[in-house]
């Protein structure tokens, strides 16, 4: 049996725990609209992590090995600006995805991620995700379009912020 079929579940996990994990995955924008079988496949490679307030999840320049989805709590995405200190780029909360850029382009982390409020995350490791997408091309196609939509939304938000800053600088 293929290691990535929905039936190949971790030993010791109850069916209700798997159903909950699949529901969590279904609420993630990156995986919204996926078929139930596809959601089950993604749920298989997701691992839950818990982090206390103030913990650093990753730092700018780290190798990106995981994509994270917030189940509970909030995470502050920041960048240290020379001579100015820490600049908050975003504060993300339940259902939001972060850390995906390094996963998608094999680059180092472009910012720091610190726990703003104690959080529970789903983490998807790059190797497991790539294998899943390699084996299941239809899943890869669906996820690709969701990534495009998510990145487009973020670019629009960044453009809006830039326009506001440009407008404010004129006064």
Protein backbone atom coordinates (compact mmCIF):
# COMPACT_ATOMS: atom_id res chain seq x y z
CA UNK A 1 0.00 0.00 0.00
CA UNK A 2 1.24 3.52 -0.87
CA UNK A 3 2.66 5.27 2.22
CA UNK A 4 0.68 8.40 1.40
CA UNK A 5 -2.81 6.95 1.17
CA UNK A 6 -5.37 8.13 3.72
CA UNK A 7 -5.37 4.64 5.29
CA UNK A 8 -1.68 4.81 6.21
CA UNK A 9 -2.16 6.67 9.49
CA UNK A 10 0.10 7.03 12.48
CA UNK A 11 -0.13 4.20 14.96
CA UNK A 12 -2.10 5.10 18.05
CA UNK A 13 -4.21 7.86 16.47
CA UNK A 14 -7.96 7.42 16.89
CA UNK A 15 -10.31 7.98 14.00
CA UNK A 16 -11.75 11.01 15.83
CA UNK A 17 -8.25 12.51 16.13
CA UNK A 18 -7.75 12.03 12.38
CA UNK A 19 -11.14 13.53 11.64
CA UNK A 20 -10.19 16.56 13.75
CA UNK A 21 -6.85 16.88 11.94
CA UNK A 22 -8.61 16.72 8.56
CA UNK A 23 -11.07 19.41 9.71
CA UNK A 24 -8.13 21.58 10.79
CA UNK A 25 -6.48 21.14 7.40
CA UNK A 26 -9.78 21.92 5.62
CA UNK A 27 -9.97 25.31 7.41
CA UNK A 28 -6.55 26.35 6.12
CA UNK A 29 -6.76 28.77 3.21
CA UNK A 30 -3.88 27.03 1.46
CA UNK A 31 -5.92 23.82 1.33
CA UNK A 32 -9.43 25.24 1.00
CA UNK A 33 -11.57 23.56 -1.59
CA UNK A 34 -9.53 20.37 -1.73
CA UNK A 35 -11.39 17.09 -2.10
CA UNK A 36 -11.83 15.04 1.13
CA UNK A 37 -9.28 12.44 -0.03
CA UNK A 38 -6.76 15.20 -0.72
CA UNK A 39 -7.38 16.73 2.72
CA UNK A 40 -6.73 13.33 4.30
CA UNK A 41 -3.41 13.09 2.46
CA UNK A 42 -2.31 16.53 3.67
CA UNK A 43 -3.45 15.73 7.21
CA UNK A 44 -1.14 12.72 7.22
CA UNK A 45 1.99 14.83 6.80
CA UNK A 46 0.94 17.56 9.27
CA UNK A 47 2.48 17.38 12.73
CA UNK A 48 1.18 19.37 15.68
CA UNK A 49 3.57 21.64 17.60
CA UNK A 50 3.02 23.79 20.69
CA UNK A 51 5.05 26.90 21.49
CA UNK A 52 5.02 29.20 24.55
CA UNK A 53 4.69 32.97 24.30
CA UNK A 54 7.96 34.61 23.29
CA UNK A 55 9.44 31.49 21.69
CA UNK A 56 11.26 31.88 18.38
CA UNK A 57 9.95 29.52 15.71
CA UNK A 58 12.54 30.54 13.14
CA UNK A 59 14.96 33.38 12.42
CA UNK A 60 15.81 35.39 9.35
CA UNK A 61 18.47 33.46 7.42
CA UNK A 62 17.49 30.01 8.74
CA UNK A 63 16.97 27.24 6.22
CA UNK A 64 13.23 26.91 5.61
CA UNK A 65 12.17 23.35 6.25
CA UNK A 66 8.57 23.73 7.41
CA UNK A 67 5.37 25.49 6.54
CA UNK A 68 3.24 26.39 9.57
CA UNK A 69 -0.49 26.78 10.07
CA UNK A 70 -1.82 28.42 13.22
CA UNK A 71 -4.53 26.44 15.01
CA UNK A 72 -4.59 28.58 18.16
CA UNK A 73 -2.72 31.71 19.24
CA UNK A 74 -0.82 34.30 17.25
CA UNK A 75 2.63 34.63 15.72
CA UNK A 76 4.49 37.87 15.01
CA UNK A 77 6.47 37.99 11.77
CA UNK A 78 9.26 40.53 12.10
CA UNK A 79 12.42 41.77 10.49
CA UNK A 80 15.32 43.47 12.28
CA UNK A 81 16.08 46.80 10.59
CA UNK A 82 19.57 48.14 11.13
CA UNK A 83 19.47 51.26 13.27
CA UNK A 84 15.71 51.02 13.77
CA UNK A 85 15.16 47.75 15.66
CA UNK A 86 12.45 45.20 15.12
CA UNK A 87 9.74 45.95 12.57
CA UNK A 88 6.53 43.89 12.76
CA UNK A 89 5.59 42.83 9.25
CA UNK A 90 2.47 40.92 10.28
CA UNK A 91 0.72 39.31 13.20
CA UNK A 92 -0.96 36.13 12.03
CA UNK A 93 -3.63 34.11 13.79
CA UNK A 94 -5.78 30.98 13.58
CA UNK A 95 -6.09 29.62 10.04
CA UNK A 96 -3.18 31.67 8.72
CA UNK A 97 -0.18 30.10 7.05
CA UNK A 98 3.38 31.34 7.46
CA UNK A 99 6.81 30.12 6.48
CA UNK A 100 5.64 28.98 3.08
CA UNK A 101 7.98 31.19 1.04
CA UNK A 102 11.11 29.28 1.97
CA UNK A 103 9.28 26.03 1.30
CA UNK A 104 8.23 27.13 -2.18
CA UNK A 105 11.52 28.60 -3.41
CA UNK A 106 14.20 26.77 -1.37
CA UNK A 107 15.50 30.07 0.01
CA UNK A 108 16.39 30.97 3.57
CA UNK A 109 13.82 32.55 5.86
CA UNK A 110 13.14 36.18 4.96
CA UNK A 111 11.99 37.19 8.46
CA UNK A 112 11.75 36.05 12.08
CA UNK A 113 8.68 34.29 13.47
CA UNK A 114 8.06 34.70 17.21
CA UNK A 115 5.14 33.50 19.28
CA UNK A 116 3.00 36.53 20.17
CA UNK A 117 0.43 34.47 22.11
CA UNK A 118 0.96 30.87 23.20
CA UNK A 119 0.15 28.82 20.14
CA UNK A 120 -0.65 25.46 18.69
CA UNK A 121 0.54 24.93 15.14
CA UNK A 122 0.37 22.35 12.40
CA UNK A 123 3.76 21.99 10.77
CA UNK A 124 4.31 20.43 7.38
CA UNK A 125 7.91 19.49 6.64
CA UNK A 126 9.24 20.31 3.17
CA UNK A 127 10.38 16.77 2.35
CA UNK A 128 7.01 15.22 3.24
CA UNK A 129 5.10 17.94 1.38
CA UNK A 130 7.25 17.63 -1.75
CA UNK A 131 6.88 13.85 -1.76
CA UNK A 132 3.13 14.19 -1.36
CA UNK A 133 2.89 16.63 -4.26
CA UNK A 134 5.23 14.54 -6.42
CA UNK A 135 3.20 11.38 -5.93
CA UNK A 136 -0.21 13.10 -6.24
CA UNK A 137 -0.04 15.44 -9.25
CA UNK A 138 -3.73 16.38 -9.06
CA UNK A 139 -3.19 17.50 -5.47
CA UNK A 140 -0.14 19.49 -6.57
CA UNK A 141 -2.24 21.31 -9.18
CA UNK A 142 -4.96 22.20 -6.64
CA UNK A 143 -2.43 23.38 -4.05
CA UNK A 144 -0.56 25.43 -6.67
CA UNK A 145 -3.66 27.45 -7.46
CA UNK A 146 -4.35 28.02 -3.79
CA UNK A 147 -0.76 29.26 -3.32
CA UNK A 148 -1.18 31.65 -6.26
CA UNK A 149 -4.39 33.06 -4.74
CA UNK A 150 -2.82 33.42 -1.29
CA UNK A 151 0.31 35.17 -2.58
CA UNK A 152 -1.76 37.45 -4.79
CA UNK A 153 -3.86 38.47 -1.76
CA UNK A 154 -0.71 39.21 0.23
CA UNK A 155 0.77 41.25 -2.60
CA UNK A 156 -2.42 43.32 -2.80
CA UNK A 157 -2.28 43.92 0.97
CA UNK A 158 1.37 44.99 0.69
CA UNK A 159 0.52 47.32 -2.20
CA UNK A 160 -2.27 48.89 -0.12
CA UNK A 161 0.10 49.43 2.82
CA UNK A 162 2.72 50.94 0.52
CA UNK A 163 0.13 53.29 -1.00
CA UNK A 164 -0.93 54.41 2.48
CA UNK A 165 2.69 55.06 3.50
CA UNK A 166 3.34 57.01 0.29
CA UNK A 167 0.19 59.07 0.84
CA UNK A 168 1.07 59.71 4.51
CA UNK A 169 4.62 60.78 3.58
CA UNK A 170 3.24 63.60 1.46
CA UNK A 171 1.80 65.29 4.55
